[in-house]
Amino acid sequence: MNDQQKKCLEIANCFEFMPGSDHQHNQSELPQIFLKHPIADSVTFFGGSFNPFHAGHRACLDLCPEKNILIVPDCNPFKDNTQKPELVYDNFLSLALELKDTNYSLYPGFLARNQANPTSLWLPKVQMNEKNFLMGDDSYMSLLTWKNPDAIIKALTKLYVVPRIFSKADYLKQEIEIKKINPNLEIHYLADHPYKNISSTDLRK
């Protein structure tokens, strides 16, 4: 583990409710640039590679009504767009600085480990009463193809879906299948926004 990864891990260890924390640190030790306010009882995750972070990502965040939103950048070595381990902290800090005047907090634990992090392996282990997820509709429509989707869906209280590609009819068909797994899951479809055609892949070209 290089120095950049170690810096990310030091920050991640202060999120005591996250799996993998050393439980010797807590949120009170975090600079406000990473944690805007203490997260308790409920957390809403917003994950992605954010390479680069763009106006579409920001629109998703701004549309979500939840207070305790935690951005979870992921570094997947099996993706071509993965961030280089020697730059993970620098990139994480740049994102934190870009969002410093918002209420959105950031968790760098997966960047520190530089390995695939299937949501089904960590989400059920989060020590929080209410676990929610914010995602674009492309992720929502592919959710049942993720690794062990039942574990993800059963762990969630609310799911917030931001329009991008699909229609409301598509959403409702997917909702029927998802609620077969967790009938109590609240699924909220958020408002449209003008940045839904922006993609990180296109921006990298």
Protein backbone atom coordinates (compact mmCIF):
# COMPACT_ATOMS: atom_id res chain seq x y z
CA MET A 1 0.00 0.00 0.00
CA ASN A 2 1.53 3.32 -1.05
CA ASP A 3 1.40 6.63 0.84
CA GLN A 4 -1.61 7.87 -1.14
CA GLN A 5 -3.58 4.75 -0.25
CA LYS A 6 -2.52 5.01 3.40
CA LYS A 7 -3.87 8.58 3.57
CA CYS A 8 -7.20 7.36 2.22
CA LEU A 9 -7.26 4.52 4.75
CA GLU A 10 -6.58 6.90 7.65
CA ILE A 11 -9.63 8.93 6.68
CA ALA A 12 -11.76 5.83 6.07
CA ASN A 13 -10.99 4.46 9.55
CA CYS A 14 -12.82 7.45 11.07
CA PHE A 15 -16.09 6.31 9.49
CA GLU A 16 -16.69 3.85 12.30
CA PHE A 17 -20.00 2.61 10.87
CA MET A 18 -18.33 1.37 7.69
CA PRO A 19 -17.04 -2.23 7.40
CA GLY A 20 -13.27 -2.44 7.62
CA SER A 21 -12.94 0.45 10.05
CA ASP A 22 -10.37 -0.14 12.78
CA HIS A 23 -12.93 1.16 15.35
CA GLN A 24 -10.15 3.10 17.06
CA HIS A 25 -11.19 6.35 15.42
CA ASN A 26 -14.51 8.13 14.91
CA GLN A 27 -16.21 10.82 12.90
CA SER A 28 -15.21 13.60 15.31
CA GLU A 29 -11.62 13.25 14.02
CA LEU A 30 -12.53 13.99 10.42
CA PRO A 31 -11.89 17.39 8.79
CA GLN A 32 -15.10 19.06 7.65
CA ILE A 33 -13.97 18.91 4.05
CA PHE A 34 -14.56 15.14 4.17
CA LEU A 35 -17.45 14.97 6.64
CA LYS A 36 -19.84 17.93 6.55
CA HIS A 37 -21.77 16.82 9.64
CA PRO A 38 -21.90 13.64 11.75
CA ILE A 39 -23.82 10.79 10.12
CA ALA A 40 -26.13 8.89 12.45
CA ASP A 41 -29.17 6.63 12.10
CA SER A 42 -29.44 7.04 8.31
CA VAL A 43 -26.98 7.20 5.43
CA THR A 44 -27.53 7.49 1.68
CA PHE A 45 -24.71 6.18 -0.49
CA PHE A 46 -23.82 7.56 -3.91
CA GLY A 47 -21.18 5.41 -5.57
CA GLY A 48 -19.21 5.52 -8.79
CA SER A 49 -15.78 5.96 -10.31
CA PHE A 50 -16.40 9.72 -10.84
CA ASN A 51 -13.62 9.79 -13.41
CA PRO A 52 -14.25 12.62 -13.93
CA PHE A 53 -16.94 13.99 -11.62
CA HIS A 54 -19.35 16.05 -13.74
CA ALA A 55 -22.57 18.09 -13.74
CA GLY A 56 -24.70 14.95 -14.06
CA HIS A 57 -23.29 13.58 -10.80
CA ARG A 58 -23.89 16.91 -9.10
CA ALA A 59 -27.48 16.99 -10.35
CA CYS A 60 -28.10 13.54 -8.82
CA LEU A 61 -26.84 14.77 -5.46
CA ASP A 62 -28.79 18.01 -5.55
CA LEU A 63 -32.04 16.24 -6.44
CA CYS A 64 -31.88 13.80 -3.52
CA PRO A 65 -33.85 14.97 -0.46
CA GLU A 66 -31.75 13.01 2.05
CA LYS A 67 -29.47 14.92 4.42
CA ASN A 68 -26.76 12.35 5.13
CA ILE A 69 -25.39 11.64 1.65
CA LEU A 70 -22.04 9.87 1.55
CA ILE A 71 -20.20 9.81 -1.76
CA VAL A 72 -18.29 6.56 -2.22
CA PRO A 73 -15.71 6.75 -5.02
CA ASP A 74 -14.63 3.31 -6.12
CA CYS A 75 -11.35 2.20 -7.65
CA ASN A 76 -11.94 -1.01 -9.57
CA PRO A 77 -8.76 -2.54 -11.03
CA PHE A 78 -10.87 -4.51 -13.52
CA LYS A 79 -12.11 -1.35 -15.21
CA ASP A 80 -10.17 0.56 -17.82
CA ASN A 81 -11.12 3.84 -16.15
CA THR A 82 -9.73 2.96 -12.75
CA GLN A 83 -7.70 5.60 -10.95
CA LYS A 84 -3.99 4.94 -10.52
CA PRO A 85 -3.05 3.91 -6.96
CA GLU A 86 -0.30 6.53 -6.82
CA LEU A 87 -2.88 9.30 -7.36
CA VAL A 88 -5.91 8.10 -5.38
CA TYR A 89 -5.56 10.55 -2.50
CA ASP A 90 -4.82 13.50 -4.79
CA ASN A 91 -7.91 12.69 -6.85
CA PHE A 92 -10.02 12.18 -3.74
CA LEU A 93 -8.87 15.50 -2.30
CA SER A 94 -9.66 17.26 -5.59
CA LEU A 95 -13.21 15.90 -5.44
CA ALA A 96 -13.54 16.95 -1.79
CA LEU A 97 -12.37 20.47 -2.66
CA GLU A 98 -14.82 20.64 -5.54
CA LEU A 99 -17.64 19.81 -3.11
CA LYS A 100 -16.33 21.73 -0.10
CA ASP A 101 -19.26 24.18 -0.08
CA THR A 102 -21.90 21.44 -0.20
CA ASN A 103 -23.40 19.15 2.46
CA TYR A 104 -22.06 16.01 0.77
CA SER A 105 -19.51 13.91 2.65
CA LEU A 106 -16.95 11.59 1.07
CA TYR A 107 -15.61 8.14 1.99
CA PRO A 108 -12.25 6.99 0.50
CA GLY A 109 -12.03 3.47 1.92
CA PHE A 110 -12.41 1.65 -1.37
CA LEU A 111 -9.82 3.85 -3.04
CA ALA A 112 -7.39 2.85 -0.30
CA ARG A 113 -7.81 -0.85 -0.98
CA ASN A 114 -7.62 -0.61 -4.80
CA GLN A 115 -9.68 -3.74 -5.36
CA ALA A 116 -13.10 -4.71 -6.61
CA ASN A 117 -15.75 -3.93 -3.99
CA PRO A 118 -19.06 -5.56 -4.90
CA THR A 119 -21.82 -3.66 -3.12
CA SER A 120 -23.29 -6.90 -1.80
CA LEU A 121 -20.13 -7.55 0.25
CA TRP A 122 -20.04 -4.24 2.15
CA LEU A 123 -23.52 -2.69 2.19
CA PRO A 124 -25.18 -5.29 4.49
CA LYS A 125 -22.31 -4.82 6.98
CA VAL A 126 -22.77 -1.05 7.34
CA GLN A 127 -23.70 -0.35 10.97
CA MET A 128 -26.54 2.07 10.42
CA ASN A 129 -30.27 1.77 11.09
CA GLU A 130 -31.28 3.04 7.67
CA LYS A 131 -29.22 2.42 4.54
CA ASN A 132 -30.25 4.10 1.29
CA PHE A 133 -28.82 4.30 -2.19
CA LEU A 134 -28.85 7.05 -4.80
CA MET A 135 -28.24 5.96 -8.39
CA GLY A 136 -28.87 6.79 -12.02
CA ASP A 137 -31.58 4.88 -13.81
CA ASP A 138 -29.02 2.88 -15.82
CA SER A 139 -27.69 1.43 -12.57
CA TYR A 140 -31.24 0.89 -11.33
CA MET A 141 -32.23 -1.03 -14.44
CA SER A 142 -29.14 -3.26 -14.16
CA LEU A 143 -29.38 -3.77 -10.38
CA LEU A 144 -30.69 -7.32 -10.63
CA THR A 145 -27.58 -8.31 -12.60
CA TRP A 146 -25.17 -7.08 -9.89
CA LYS A 147 -23.34 -9.63 -7.76
CA ASN A 148 -25.80 -11.07 -5.21
CA PRO A 149 -28.50 -8.40 -5.77
CA ASP A 150 -30.78 -9.93 -3.13
CA ALA A 151 -28.29 -9.00 -0.39
CA ILE A 152 -28.19 -5.40 -1.61
CA ILE A 153 -31.94 -4.99 -1.98
CA LYS A 154 -32.73 -6.60 1.37
CA ALA A 155 -30.24 -4.28 3.12
CA LEU A 156 -31.82 -1.10 1.75
CA THR A 157 -34.53 1.08 3.21
CA LYS A 158 -34.84 3.56 0.34
CA LEU A 159 -33.66 3.70 -3.23
CA TYR A 160 -33.49 7.02 -5.09
CA VAL A 161 -33.44 6.83 -8.88
CA VAL A 162 -32.38 9.73 -11.11
CA PRO A 163 -33.62 9.84 -14.75
CA ARG A 164 -31.11 9.26 -17.49
CA ILE A 165 -32.04 6.80 -20.24
CA PHE A 166 -35.16 4.79 -19.42
CA SER A 167 -38.88 5.52 -19.27
CA LYS A 168 -41.25 5.50 -16.31
CA ALA A 169 -42.80 2.32 -17.71
CA ASP A 170 -39.38 0.65 -17.57
CA TYR A 171 -38.97 1.78 -13.96
CA LEU A 172 -42.27 0.30 -12.88
CA LYS A 173 -41.51 -3.07 -14.45
CA GLN A 174 -38.19 -3.14 -12.63
CA GLU A 175 -39.83 -2.06 -9.39
CA ILE A 176 -42.14 -5.07 -9.49
CA GLU A 177 -39.17 -7.44 -9.70
CA ILE A 178 -37.18 -5.62 -7.02
CA LYS A 179 -40.07 -5.56 -4.59
CA LYS A 180 -40.41 -9.31 -4.89
CA ILE A 181 -37.11 -9.38 -3.00
CA ASN A 182 -37.88 -6.58 -0.52
CA PRO A 183 -41.55 -5.54 -0.44
CA ASN A 184 -40.79 -2.84 2.16
CA LEU A 185 -38.19 -1.05 0.06
CA GLU A 186 -39.17 2.54 -0.73
CA ILE A 187 -38.30 3.48 -4.31
CA HIS A 188 -38.36 7.17 -5.20
CA TYR A 189 -38.01 8.48 -8.75
CA LEU A 190 -36.45 11.93 -8.71
CA ALA A 191 -37.02 14.88 -11.03
CA ASP A 192 -35.54 15.22 -14.49
CA HIS A 193 -32.41 17.32 -15.03
CA PRO A 194 -30.59 18.84 -18.03
CA TYR A 195 -27.33 16.90 -17.61
CA LYS A 196 -28.53 13.33 -18.03
CA ASN A 197 -26.71 12.85 -21.35
CA ILE A 198 -23.30 13.64 -19.86
CA SER A 199 -21.09 10.62 -19.19
CA SER A 200 -17.61 10.26 -17.71
CA THR A 201 -16.68 7.90 -20.55
CA ASP A 202 -17.44 10.55 -23.17
CA LEU A 203 -15.61 13.23 -21.19
CA ARG A 204 -12.46 11.10 -21.08
CA LYS A 205 -12.32 10.80 -24.88
